Amino acid sequence: FFDELHSLDSDRQAVTDMITNHQNQGHMMIRPASPERTDT
């Protein structure tokens, strides 16, 4: 995912499409992090 993200550079629409595709396939999900989370 991050390799593909970096390859898209600053193409906002391509990044949005890529993230949507990964989420629709059930490979990943994105959400706000817990404010109590300290580890990476």
Full PDB file with SEQRES, HELIX, SHEET, SSBOND, CRYST1, ORIGX, SCALE, CONECT and MASTER records, all heavy atoms in Angstrom:
SEQRES   1 A   40  PHE PHE ASP GLU LEU HIS SER LEU ASP SER ASP ARG GLN          
SEQRES   2 A   40  ALA VAL THR ASP MET ILE THR ASN HIS GLN ASN GLN GLY          
SEQRES   3 A   40  HIS MET MET ILE ARG PRO ALA SER PRO GLU ARG THR ASP          
SEQRES   4 A   40  THR                                                          
HELIX    1 AA1 PHE A    2  SER A    7  1                                   6    
HELIX    2 AA2 ARG A   12  ASN A   24  1                                  13    
CRYST1    1.000    1.000    1.000  90.00  90.00  90.00 P 1           1          
ORIGX1      1.000000  0.000000  0.000000        0.00000                         
ORIGX2      0.000000  1.000000  0.000000        0.00000                         
ORIGX3      0.000000  0.000000  1.000000        0.00000                         
SCALE1      1.000000  0.000000  0.000000        0.00000                         
SCALE2      0.000000  1.000000  0.000000        0.00000                         
SCALE3      0.000000  0.000000  1.000000        0.00000                         
ATOM      1  N   PHE A   1       0.824  -1.201   0.000  1.00  0.00           N  
ATOM      2  CA  PHE A   1       0.000   0.000   0.000  1.00  0.00           C  
ATOM      3  C   PHE A   1       0.862   1.256   0.000  1.00  0.00           C  
ATOM      4  O   PHE A   1       0.658   2.172  -0.815  1.00  0.00           O  
ATOM      5  CB  PHE A   1      -0.932   0.007   1.212  1.00  0.00           C  
ATOM      6  CG  PHE A   1      -1.683   1.293   1.392  1.00  0.00           C  
ATOM      7  CD1 PHE A   1      -2.859   1.537   0.689  1.00  0.00           C  
ATOM      8  CD2 PHE A   1      -1.221   2.268   2.261  1.00  0.00           C  
ATOM      9  CE1 PHE A   1      -3.547   2.733   0.844  1.00  0.00           C  
ATOM     10  CE2 PHE A   1      -1.901   3.463   2.428  1.00  0.00           C  
ATOM     11  CZ  PHE A   1      -3.069   3.695   1.711  1.00  0.00           C  
ATOM     12  N   PHE A   2       1.821   1.322   0.928  1.00  0.00           N  
ATOM     13  CA  PHE A   2       2.634   2.530   1.030  1.00  0.00           C  
ATOM     14  C   PHE A   2       3.575   2.687  -0.167  1.00  0.00           C  
ATOM     15  O   PHE A   2       3.868   3.823  -0.580  1.00  0.00           O  
ATOM     16  CB  PHE A   2       3.406   2.537   2.348  1.00  0.00           C  
ATOM     17  CG  PHE A   2       2.544   2.865   3.535  1.00  0.00           C  
ATOM     18  CD1 PHE A   2       2.263   1.910   4.492  1.00  0.00           C  
ATOM     19  CD2 PHE A   2       1.990   4.131   3.684  1.00  0.00           C  
ATOM     20  CE1 PHE A   2       1.451   2.204   5.587  1.00  0.00           C  
ATOM     21  CE2 PHE A   2       1.180   4.441   4.767  1.00  0.00           C  
ATOM     22  CZ  PHE A   2       0.911   3.469   5.713  1.00  0.00           C  
ATOM     23  N   ASP A   3       4.040   1.569  -0.748  1.00  0.00           N  
ATOM     24  CA  ASP A   3       4.842   1.661  -1.974  1.00  0.00           C  
ATOM     25  C   ASP A   3       4.008   2.271  -3.097  1.00  0.00           C  
ATOM     26  O   ASP A   3       4.479   3.139  -3.840  1.00  0.00           O  
ATOM     27  CB  ASP A   3       5.334   0.267  -2.392  1.00  0.00           C  
ATOM     28  CG  ASP A   3       6.503  -0.216  -1.552  1.00  0.00           C  
ATOM     29  OD1 ASP A   3       7.070   0.601  -0.810  1.00  0.00           O  
ATOM     30  OD2 ASP A   3       6.843  -1.409  -1.655  1.00  0.00           O  
ATOM     31  N   GLU A   4       2.759   1.807  -3.212  1.00  0.00           N  
ATOM     32  CA  GLU A   4       1.880   2.330  -4.250  1.00  0.00           C  
ATOM     33  C   GLU A   4       1.537   3.789  -3.981  1.00  0.00           C  
ATOM     34  O   GLU A   4       1.483   4.613  -4.914  1.00  0.00           O  
ATOM     35  CB  GLU A   4       0.604   1.495  -4.330  1.00  0.00           C  
ATOM     36  CG  GLU A   4      -0.315   1.872  -5.471  1.00  0.00           C  
ATOM     37  CD  GLU A   4      -1.535   0.967  -5.580  1.00  0.00           C  
ATOM     38  OE1 GLU A   4      -1.629  -0.017  -4.800  1.00  0.00           O  
ATOM     39  OE2 GLU A   4      -2.396   1.246  -6.434  1.00  0.00           O  
ATOM     40  N   LEU A   5       1.321   4.117  -2.710  1.00  0.00           N  
ATOM     41  CA  LEU A   5       0.987   5.494  -2.336  1.00  0.00           C  
ATOM     42  C   LEU A   5       2.118   6.443  -2.726  1.00  0.00           C  
ATOM     43  O   LEU A   5       1.886   7.508  -3.306  1.00  0.00           O  
ATOM     44  CB  LEU A   5       0.727   5.564  -0.828  1.00  0.00           C  
ATOM     45  CG  LEU A   5       0.311   6.927  -0.262  1.00  0.00           C  
ATOM     46  CD1 LEU A   5      -1.046   7.329  -0.807  1.00  0.00           C  
ATOM     47  CD2 LEU A   5       0.267   6.866   1.266  1.00  0.00           C  
ATOM     48  N   HIS A   6       3.352   6.048  -2.428  1.00  0.00           N  
ATOM     49  CA  HIS A   6       4.503   6.903  -2.742  1.00  0.00           C  
ATOM     50  C   HIS A   6       4.688   7.035  -4.257  1.00  0.00           C  
ATOM     51  O   HIS A   6       5.124   8.083  -4.749  1.00  0.00           O  
ATOM     52  CB  HIS A   6       5.770   6.335  -2.107  1.00  0.00           C  
ATOM     53  CG  HIS A   6       5.759   6.401  -0.620  1.00  0.00           C  
ATOM     54  ND1 HIS A   6       6.444   5.514   0.190  1.00  0.00           N  
ATOM     55  CD2 HIS A   6       5.122   7.243   0.232  1.00  0.00           C  
ATOM     56  CE1 HIS A   6       6.223   5.800   1.459  1.00  0.00           C  
ATOM     57  NE2 HIS A   6       5.435   6.854   1.507  1.00  0.00           N  
ATOM     58  N   SER A   7       4.345   5.996  -5.010  1.00  0.00           N  
ATOM     59  CA  SER A   7       4.520   6.047  -6.461  1.00  0.00           C  
ATOM     60  C   SER A   7       3.548   7.024  -7.122  1.00  0.00           C  
ATOM     61  O   SER A   7       3.805   7.519  -8.219  1.00  0.00           O  
ATOM     62  CB  SER A   7       4.333   4.650  -7.067  1.00  0.00           C  
ATOM     63  OG  SER A   7       2.964   4.255  -7.024  1.00  0.00           O  
ATOM     64  N   LEU A   8       2.437   7.293  -6.445  1.00  0.00           N  
ATOM     65  CA  LEU A   8       1.432   8.204  -7.006  1.00  0.00           C  
ATOM     66  C   LEU A   8       1.768   9.661  -6.748  1.00  0.00           C  
ATOM     67  O   LEU A   8       1.107  10.560  -7.270  1.00  0.00           O  
ATOM     68  CB  LEU A   8       0.050   7.878  -6.425  1.00  0.00           C  
ATOM     69  CG  LEU A   8      -0.491   6.495  -6.770  1.00  0.00           C  
ATOM     70  CD1 LEU A   8      -1.812   6.243  -6.051  1.00  0.00           C  
ATOM     71  CD2 LEU A   8      -0.682   6.352  -8.279  1.00  0.00           C  
ATOM     72  N   ASP A   9       2.758   9.893  -5.909  1.00  0.00           N  
ATOM     73  CA  ASP A   9       3.256  11.228  -5.610  1.00  0.00           C  
ATOM     74  C   ASP A   9       2.119  12.120  -5.101  1.00  0.00           C  
ATOM     75  O   ASP A   9       1.471  11.818  -4.108  1.00  0.00           O  
ATOM     76  CB  ASP A   9       3.926  11.828  -6.846  1.00  0.00           C  
ATOM     77  CG  ASP A   9       4.805  13.016  -6.500  1.00  0.00           C  
ATOM     78  OD1 ASP A   9       5.197  13.139  -5.327  1.00  0.00           O  
ATOM     79  OD2 ASP A   9       5.098  13.818  -7.390  1.00  0.00           O  
ATOM     80  N   SER A  10       1.810  13.200  -5.794  1.00  0.00           N  
ATOM     81  CA  SER A  10       0.821  14.170  -5.293  1.00  0.00           C  
ATOM     82  C   SER A  10      -0.471  14.154  -6.106  1.00  0.00           C  
ATOM     83  O   SER A  10      -1.243  15.117  -6.054  1.00  0.00           O  
ATOM     84  CB  SER A  10       1.422  15.579  -5.305  1.00  0.00           C  
ATOM     85  OG  SER A  10       1.853  15.928  -6.607  1.00  0.00           O  
ATOM     86  N   ASP A  11      -0.714  13.093  -6.853  1.00  0.00           N  
ATOM     87  CA  ASP A  11      -1.936  12.995  -7.644  1.00  0.00           C  
ATOM     88  C   ASP A  11      -3.094  12.642  -6.709  1.00  0.00           C  
ATOM     89  O   ASP A  11      -3.350  11.481  -6.405  1.00  0.00           O  
ATOM     90  CB  ASP A  11      -1.766  11.913  -8.716  1.00  0.00           C  
ATOM     91  CG  ASP A  11      -2.928  11.884  -9.707  1.00  0.00           C  
ATOM     92  OD1 ASP A  11      -4.037  12.302  -9.324  1.00  0.00           O  
ATOM     93  OD2 ASP A  11      -2.720  11.427 -10.834  1.00  0.00           O  
ATOM     94  N   ARG A  12      -3.806  13.674  -6.238  1.00  0.00           N  
ATOM     95  CA  ARG A  12      -4.828  13.501  -5.213  1.00  0.00           C  
ATOM     96  C   ARG A  12      -5.935  12.533  -5.656  1.00  0.00           C  
ATOM     97  O   ARG A  12      -6.371  11.680  -4.894  1.00  0.00           O  
ATOM     98  CB  ARG A  12      -5.423  14.849  -4.832  1.00  0.00           C  
ATOM     99  CG  ARG A  12      -6.430  14.788  -3.689  1.00  0.00           C  
ATOM    100  CD  ARG A  12      -6.949  16.174  -3.367  1.00  0.00           C  
ATOM    101  NE  ARG A  12      -5.881  17.029  -2.869  1.00  0.00           N  
ATOM    102  CZ  ARG A  12      -5.522  17.096  -1.591  1.00  0.00           C  
ATOM    103  NH1 ARG A  12      -6.154  16.343  -0.693  1.00  0.00           N  
ATOM    104  NH2 ARG A  12      -4.561  17.903  -1.197  1.00  0.00           N  
ATOM    105  N   GLN A  13      -6.394  12.651  -6.902  1.00  0.00           N  
ATOM    106  CA  GLN A  13      -7.470  11.795  -7.365  1.00  0.00           C  
ATOM    107  C   GLN A  13      -7.011  10.343  -7.462  1.00  0.00           C  
ATOM    108  O   GLN A  13      -7.762   9.416  -7.105  1.00  0.00           O  
ATOM    109  CB  GLN A  13      -7.972  12.259  -8.737  1.00  0.00           C  
ATOM    110  CG  GLN A  13      -9.195  11.486  -9.236  1.00  0.00           C  
ATOM    111  CD  GLN A  13     -10.359  11.566  -8.275  1.00  0.00           C  
ATOM    112  OE1 GLN A  13     -10.763  12.656  -7.872  1.00  0.00           O  
ATOM    113  NE2 GLN A  13     -10.915  10.410  -7.873  1.00  0.00           N  
ATOM    114  N   ALA A  14      -5.786  10.126  -7.929  1.00  0.00           N  
ATOM    115  CA  ALA A  14      -5.253   8.765  -8.033  1.00  0.00           C  
ATOM    116  C   ALA A  14      -5.108   8.140  -6.650  1.00  0.00           C  
ATOM    117  O   ALA A  14      -5.381   6.950  -6.461  1.00  0.00           O  
ATOM    118  CB  ALA A  14      -3.910   8.784  -8.753  1.00  0.00           C  
ATOM    119  N   VAL A  15      -4.688   8.937  -5.670  1.00  0.00           N  
ATOM    120  CA  VAL A  15      -4.553   8.437  -4.300  1.00  0.00           C  
ATOM    121  C   VAL A  15      -5.921   8.066  -3.742  1.00  0.00           C  
ATOM    122  O   VAL A  15      -6.092   7.009  -3.128  1.00  0.00           O  
ATOM    123  CB  VAL A  15      -3.879   9.500  -3.393  1.00  0.00           C  
ATOM    124  CG1 VAL A  15      -3.982   9.097  -1.932  1.00  0.00           C  
ATOM    125  CG2 VAL A  15      -2.420   9.674  -3.789  1.00  0.00           C  
ATOM    126  N   THR A  16      -6.904   8.932  -3.962  1.00  0.00           N  
ATOM    127  CA  THR A  16      -8.267   8.659  -3.484  1.00  0.00           C  
ATOM    128  C   THR A  16      -8.813   7.379  -4.097  1.00  0.00           C  
ATOM    129  O   THR A  16      -9.392   6.536  -3.414  1.00  0.00           O  
ATOM    130  CB  THR A  16      -9.202   9.830  -3.823  1.00  0.00           C  
ATOM    131  OG1 THR A  16      -8.719  11.015  -3.175  1.00  0.00           O  
ATOM    132  CG2 THR A  16     -10.622   9.548  -3.352  1.00  0.00           C  
ATOM    133  N   ASP A  17      -8.620   7.208  -5.397  1.00  0.00           N  
ATOM    134  CA  ASP A  17      -9.102   6.015  -6.078  1.00  0.00           C  
ATOM    135  C   ASP A  17      -8.401   4.756  -5.565  1.00  0.00           C  
ATOM    136  O   ASP A  17      -9.035   3.709  -5.396  1.00  0.00           O  
ATOM    137  CB  ASP A  17      -8.877   6.145  -7.591  1.00  0.00           C  
ATOM    138  CG  ASP A  17      -9.752   7.214  -8.221  1.00  0.00           C  
ATOM    139  OD1 ASP A  17     -10.742   7.626  -7.577  1.00  0.00           O  
ATOM    140  OD2 ASP A  17      -9.431   7.644  -9.349  1.00  0.00           O  
ATOM    141  N   MET A  18      -7.102   4.866  -5.339  1.00  0.00           N  
ATOM    142  CA  MET A  18      -6.333   3.724  -4.852  1.00  0.00           C  
ATOM    143  C   MET A  18      -6.793   3.297  -3.465  1.00  0.00           C  
ATOM    144  O   MET A  18      -6.994   2.108  -3.197  1.00  0.00           O  
ATOM    145  CB  MET A  18      -4.839   4.069  -4.831  1.00  0.00           C  
ATOM    146  CG  MET A  18      -3.924   2.894  -4.456  1.00  0.00           C  
ATOM    147  SD  MET A  18      -3.551   2.824  -2.663  1.00  0.00           S  
ATOM    148  CE  MET A  18      -2.439   4.236  -2.488  1.00  0.00           C  
ATOM    149  N   ILE A  19      -6.983   4.251  -2.570  1.00  0.00           N  
ATOM    150  CA  ILE A  19      -7.427   3.946  -1.213  1.00  0.00           C  
ATOM    151  C   ILE A  19      -8.820   3.334  -1.236  1.00  0.00           C  
ATOM    152  O   ILE A  19      -9.095   2.340  -0.553  1.00  0.00           O  
ATOM    153  CB  ILE A  19      -7.407   5.220  -0.350  1.00  0.00           C  
ATOM    154  CG1 ILE A  19      -5.965   5.672  -0.113  1.00  0.00           C  
ATOM    155  CG2 ILE A  19      -8.113   4.977   0.986  1.00  0.00           C  
ATOM    156  CD1 ILE A  19      -5.835   6.980   0.628  1.00  0.00           C  
ATOM    157  N   THR A  20      -9.712   3.908  -2.038  1.00  0.00           N  
ATOM    158  CA  THR A  20     -11.082   3.377  -2.157  1.00  0.00           C  
ATOM    159  C   THR A  20     -11.062   1.941  -2.656  1.00  0.00           C  
ATOM    160  O   THR A  20     -11.788   1.080  -2.145  1.00  0.00           O  
ATOM    161  CB  THR A  20     -11.909   4.244  -3.113  1.00  0.00           C  
ATOM    162  OG1 THR A  20     -11.966   5.579  -2.614  1.00  0.00           O  
ATOM    163  CG2 THR A  20     -13.320   3.696  -3.255  1.00  0.00           C  
ATOM    164  N   ASN A  21     -10.220   1.655  -3.629  1.00  0.00           N  
ATOM    165  CA  ASN A  21     -10.122   0.311  -4.187  1.00  0.00           C  
ATOM    166  C   ASN A  21      -9.653  -0.692  -3.138  1.00  0.00           C  
ATOM    167  O   ASN A  21     -10.224  -1.782  -2.996  1.00  0.00           O  
ATOM    168  CB  ASN A  21      -9.161   0.314  -5.377  1.00  0.00           C  
ATOM    169  CG  ASN A  21      -9.024  -1.058  -6.010  1.00  0.00           C  
ATOM    170  OD1 ASN A  21     -10.008  -1.689  -6.377  1.00  0.00           O  
ATOM    171  ND2 ASN A  21      -7.791  -1.524  -6.146  1.00  0.00           N  
ATOM    172  N   HIS A  22      -8.626  -0.328  -2.370  1.00  0.00           N  
ATOM    173  CA  HIS A  22      -8.107  -1.221  -1.324  1.00  0.00           C  
ATOM    174  C   HIS A  22      -9.161  -1.486  -0.248  1.00  0.00           C  
ATOM    175  O   HIS A  22      -9.297  -2.614   0.234  1.00  0.00           O  
ATOM    176  CB  HIS A  22      -6.845  -0.626  -0.693  1.00  0.00           C  
ATOM    177  CG  HIS A  22      -5.600  -0.863  -1.482  1.00  0.00           C  
ATOM    178  ND1 HIS A  22      -4.947  -2.076  -1.486  1.00  0.00           N  
ATOM    179  CD2 HIS A  22      -4.886  -0.052  -2.301  1.00  0.00           C  
ATOM    180  CE1 HIS A  22      -3.879  -2.001  -2.265  1.00  0.00           C  
ATOM    181  NE2 HIS A  22      -3.820  -0.781  -2.769  1.00  0.00           N  
ATOM    182  N   GLN A  23      -9.888  -0.442   0.131  1.00  0.00           N  
ATOM    183  CA  GLN A  23     -10.911  -0.615   1.158  1.00  0.00           C  
ATOM    184  C   GLN A  23     -12.083  -1.453   0.641  1.00  0.00           C  
ATOM    185  O   GLN A  23     -12.616  -2.309   1.364  1.00  0.00           O  
ATOM    186  CB  GLN A  23     -11.400   0.747   1.649  1.00  0.00           C  
ATOM    187  CG  GLN A  23     -10.339   1.531   2.416  1.00  0.00           C  
ATOM    188  CD  GLN A  23     -10.906   2.729   3.155  1.00  0.00           C  
ATOM    189  OE1 GLN A  23     -11.108   2.713   4.355  1.00  0.00           O  
ATOM    190  NE2 GLN A  23     -11.164   3.796   2.405  1.00  0.00           N  
ATOM    191  N   ASN A  24     -12.477  -1.231  -0.594  1.00  0.00           N  
ATOM    192  CA  ASN A  24     -13.582  -2.006  -1.163  1.00  0.00           C  
ATOM    193  C   ASN A  24     -13.240  -3.493  -1.278  1.00  0.00           C  
ATOM    194  O   ASN A  24     -14.129  -4.344  -1.187  1.00  0.00           O  
ATOM    195  CB  ASN A  24     -13.961  -1.451  -2.543  1.00  0.00           C  
ATOM    196  CG  ASN A  24     -14.663  -0.110  -2.460  1.00  0.00           C  
ATOM    197  OD1 ASN A  24     -15.179   0.270  -1.413  1.00  0.00           O  
ATOM    198  ND2 ASN A  24     -14.691   0.616  -3.566  1.00  0.00           N  
ATOM    199  N   GLN A  25     -11.969  -3.796  -1.476  1.00  0.00           N  
ATOM    200  CA  GLN A  25     -11.538  -5.184  -1.577  1.00  0.00           C  
ATOM    201  C   GLN A  25     -11.332  -5.832  -0.210  1.00  0.00           C  
ATOM    202  O   GLN A  25     -11.044  -7.024  -0.122  1.00  0.00           O  
ATOM    203  CB  GLN A  25     -10.249  -5.288  -2.395  1.00  0.00           C  
ATOM    204  CG  GLN A  25     -10.415  -4.925  -3.854  1.00  0.00           C  
ATOM    205  CD  GLN A  25      -9.139  -5.136  -4.648  1.00  0.00           C  
ATOM    206  OE1 GLN A  25      -8.450  -6.136  -4.505  1.00  0.00           O  
ATOM    207  NE2 GLN A  25      -8.813  -4.170  -5.497  1.00  0.00           N  
ATOM    208  N   GLY A  26     -11.474  -5.045   0.862  1.00  0.00           N  
ATOM    209  CA  GLY A  26     -11.322  -5.579   2.209  1.00  0.00           C  
ATOM    210  C   GLY A  26      -9.888  -5.761   2.642  1.00  0.00           C  
ATOM    211  O   GLY A  26      -9.617  -6.444   3.641  1.00  0.00           O  
ATOM    212  N   HIS A  27      -8.954  -5.136   1.934  1.00  0.00           N  
ATOM    213  CA  HIS A  27      -7.547  -5.265   2.286  1.00  0.00           C  
ATOM    214  C   HIS A  27      -7.156  -4.382   3.461  1.00  0.00           C  
ATOM    215  O   HIS A  27      -6.191  -4.667   4.166  1.00  0.00           O  
ATOM    216  CB  HIS A  27      -6.656  -4.898   1.095  1.00  0.00           C  
ATOM    217  CG  HIS A  27      -6.826  -5.787  -0.083  1.00  0.00           C  
ATOM    218  ND1 HIS A  27      -6.420  -5.444  -1.348  1.00  0.00           N  
ATOM    219  CD2 HIS A  27      -7.375  -7.030  -0.197  1.00  0.00           C  
ATOM    220  CE1 HIS A  27      -6.702  -6.417  -2.192  1.00  0.00           C  
ATOM    221  NE2 HIS A  27      -7.287  -7.379  -1.517  1.00  0.00           N  
ATOM    222  N   MET A  28      -7.910  -3.305   3.653  1.00  0.00           N  
ATOM    223  CA  MET A  28      -7.522  -2.329   4.663  1.00  0.00           C  
ATOM    224  C   MET A  28      -8.704  -1.445   5.024  1.00  0.00           C  
ATOM    225  O   MET A  28      -9.754  -1.474   4.375  1.00  0.00           O  
ATOM    226  CB  MET A  28      -6.389  -1.447   4.132  1.00  0.00           C  
ATOM    227  CG  MET A  28      -6.809  -0.614   2.927  1.00  0.00           C  
ATOM    228  SD  MET A  28      -5.644   0.677   2.461  1.00  0.00           S  
ATOM    229  CE  MET A  28      -5.695   1.721   3.906  1.00  0.00           C  
ATOM    230  N   MET A  29      -8.510  -0.640   6.072  1.00  0.00           N  
ATOM    231  CA  MET A  29      -9.455   0.415   6.415  1.00  0.00           C  
ATOM    232  C   MET A  29      -8.684   1.573   7.029  1.00  0.00           C  
ATOM    233  O   MET A  29      -7.578   1.403   7.564  1.00  0.00           O  
ATOM    234  CB  MET A  29     -10.540  -0.091   7.377  1.00  0.00           C  
ATOM    235  CG  MET A  29     -10.037  -0.589   8.712  1.00  0.00           C  
ATOM    236  SD  MET A  29     -11.380  -1.185   9.795  1.00  0.00           S  
ATOM    237  CE  MET A  29     -12.162   0.373  10.254  1.00  0.00           C  
ATOM    238  N   ILE A  30      -9.255   2.760   6.903  1.00  0.00           N  
ATOM    239  CA  ILE A  30      -8.622   3.974   7.427  1.00  0.00           C  
ATOM    240  C   ILE A  30      -9.624   4.702   8.313  1.00  0.00           C  
ATOM    241  O   ILE A  30     -10.801   4.808   7.963  1.00  0.00           O  
ATOM    242  CB  ILE A  30      -8.171   4.904   6.289  1.00  0.00           C  
ATOM    243  CG1 ILE A  30      -7.194   4.174   5.357  1.00  0.00           C  
ATOM    244  CG2 ILE A  30      -7.513   6.157   6.838  1.00  0.00           C  
ATOM    245  CD1 ILE A  30      -6.785   5.005   4.160  1.00  0.00           C  
ATOM    246  N   ARG A  31      -9.140   5.220   9.432  1.00  0.00           N  
ATOM    247  CA  ARG A  31     -10.001   5.970  10.346  1.00  0.00           C  
ATOM    248  C   ARG A  31      -9.126   6.857  11.229  1.00  0.00           C  
ATOM    249  O   ARG A  31      -7.890   6.668  11.289  1.00  0.00           O  
ATOM    250  CB  ARG A  31     -10.815   5.015  11.214  1.00  0.00           C  
ATOM    251  CG  ARG A  31      -9.961   4.131  12.123  1.00  0.00           C  
ATOM    252  CD  ARG A  31     -10.817   3.246  12.990  1.00  0.00           C  
ATOM    253  NE  ARG A  31     -10.026   2.442  13.919  1.00  0.00           N  
ATOM    254  CZ  ARG A  31     -10.536   1.748  14.918  1.00  0.00           C  
ATOM    255  NH1 ARG A  31     -11.858   1.752  15.118  1.00  0.00           N  
ATOM    256  NH2 ARG A  31      -9.764   1.049  15.725  1.00  0.00           N  
ATOM    257  N   PRO A  32      -9.711   7.825  11.949  1.00  0.00           N  
ATOM    258  CA  PRO A  32      -8.928   8.636  12.885  1.00  0.00           C  
ATOM    259  C   PRO A  32      -8.328   7.744  13.977  1.00  0.00           C  
ATOM    260  O   PRO A  32      -8.973   6.808  14.450  1.00  0.00           O  
ATOM    261  CB  PRO A  32      -9.958   9.610  13.460  1.00  0.00           C  
ATOM    262  CG  PRO A  32     -11.048   9.653  12.446  1.00  0.00           C  
ATOM    263  CD  PRO A  32     -11.111   8.276  11.858  1.00  0.00           C  
ATOM    264  N   ALA A  33      -7.113   8.017  14.356  1.00  0.00           N  
ATOM    265  CA  ALA A  33      -6.461   7.230  15.402  1.00  0.00           C  
ATOM    266  C   ALA A  33      -7.009   7.608  16.769  1.00  0.00           C  
ATOM    267  O   ALA A  33      -7.491   8.720  16.982  1.00  0.00           O  
ATOM    268  CB  ALA A  33      -4.952   7.457  15.369  1.00  0.00           C  
ATOM    269  N   SER A  34      -6.941   6.667  17.685  1.00  0.00           N  
ATOM    270  CA  SER A  34      -7.355   6.946  19.056  1.00  0.00           C  
ATOM    271  C   SER A  34      -6.454   8.026  19.646  1.00  0.00           C  
ATOM    272  O   SER A  34      -5.225   7.949  19.532  1.00  0.00           O  
ATOM    273  CB  SER A  34      -7.251   5.672  19.904  1.00  0.00           C  
ATOM    274  OG  SER A  34      -7.368   5.981  21.282  1.00  0.00           O  
ATOM    275  N   PRO A  35      -7.031   9.042  20.299  1.00  0.00           N  
ATOM    276  CA  PRO A  35      -6.201  10.097  20.909  1.00  0.00           C  
ATOM    277  C   PRO A  35      -5.325   9.569  22.030  1.00  0.00           C  
ATOM    278  O   PRO A  35      -4.353  10.221  22.425  1.00  0.00           O  
ATOM    279  CB  PRO A  35      -7.247  11.094  21.428  1.00  0.00           C  
ATOM    280  CG  PRO A  35      -8.502  10.300  21.585  1.00  0.00           C  
ATOM    281  CD  PRO A  35      -8.479   9.283  20.489  1.00  0.00           C  
ATOM    282  N   GLU A  36      -5.641   8.384  22.543  1.00  0.00           N  
ATOM    283  CA  GLU A  36      -4.858   7.791  23.632  1.00  0.00           C  
ATOM    284  C   GLU A  36      -3.728   6.902  23.114  1.00  0.00           C  
ATOM    285  O   GLU A  36      -2.915   6.421  23.896  1.00  0.00           O  
ATOM    286  CB  GLU A  36      -5.778   6.969  24.542  1.00  0.00           C  
ATOM    287  CG  GLU A  36      -6.883   7.792  25.191  1.00  0.00           C  
ATOM    288  CD  GLU A  36      -7.814   6.955  26.041  1.00  0.00           C  
ATOM    289  OE1 GLU A  36      -7.590   5.735  26.144  1.00  0.00           O  
ATOM    290  OE2 GLU A  36      -8.776   7.525  26.599  1.00  0.00           O  
ATOM    291  N   ARG A  37      -3.681   6.692  21.833  1.00  0.00           N  
ATOM    292  CA  ARG A  37      -2.671   5.809  21.233  1.00  0.00           C  
ATOM    293  C   ARG A  37      -1.307   6.492  21.231  1.00  0.00           C  
ATOM    294  O   ARG A  37      -1.170   7.626  20.770  1.00  0.00           O  
ATOM    295  CB  ARG A  37      -3.098   5.454  19.814  1.00  0.00           C  
ATOM    296  CG  ARG A  37      -2.122   4.640  18.991  1.00  0.00           C  
ATOM    297  CD  ARG A  37      -2.328   3.160  19.146  1.00  0.00           C  
ATOM    298  NE  ARG A  37      -1.489   2.442  18.201  1.00  0.00           N  
ATOM    299  CZ  ARG A  37      -1.932   1.867  17.097  1.00  0.00           C  
ATOM    300  NH1 ARG A  37      -3.221   1.907  16.796  1.00  0.00           N  
ATOM    301  NH2 ARG A  37      -1.105   1.230  16.294  1.00  0.00           N  
ATOM    302  N   THR A  38      -0.287   5.809  21.765  1.00  0.00           N  
ATOM    303  CA  THR A  38       1.063   6.374  21.806  1.00  0.00           C  
ATOM    304  C   THR A  38       2.037   5.617  20.910  1.00  0.00           C  
ATOM    305  O   THR A  38       3.056   6.167  20.507  1.00  0.00           O  
ATOM    306  CB  THR A  38       1.614   6.379  23.247  1.00  0.00           C  
ATOM    307  OG1 THR A  38       1.594   5.038  23.770  1.00  0.00           O  
ATOM    308  CG2 THR A  38       0.791   7.284  24.138  1.00  0.00           C  
ATOM    309  N   ASP A  39       1.743   4.350  20.601  1.00  0.00           N  
ATOM    310  CA  ASP A  39       2.653   3.590  19.750  1.00  0.00           C  
ATOM    311  C   ASP A  39       2.276   3.776  18.286  1.00  0.00           C  
ATOM    312  O   ASP A  39       1.161   4.167  17.947  1.00  0.00           O  
ATOM    313  CB  ASP A  39       2.624   2.103  20.119  1.00  0.00           C  
ATOM    314  CG  ASP A  39       1.224   1.519  20.051  1.00  0.00           C  
ATOM    315  OD1 ASP A  39       0.429   1.778  20.978  1.00  0.00           O  
ATOM    316  OD2 ASP A  39       0.927   0.819  19.078  1.00  0.00           O  
ATOM    317  N   THR A  40       3.225   3.463  17.402  1.00  0.00           N  
ATOM    318  CA  THR A  40       3.031   3.678  15.969  1.00  0.00           C  
ATOM    319  C   THR A  40       2.568   2.431  15.240  1.00  0.00           C  
ATOM    320  O   THR A  40       1.687   2.473  14.387  1.00  0.00           O  
ATOM    321  CB  THR A  40       4.346   4.177  15.333  1.00  0.00           C  
ATOM    322  OG1 THR A  40       4.717   5.404  15.942  1.00  0.00           O  
ATOM    323  CG2 THR A  40       4.191   4.380  13.826  1.00  0.00           C  
TER     324      THR A  40                                                      
MASTER        0    0    0    2    0    0    0    6  323    1    0    4          
END                                                                             
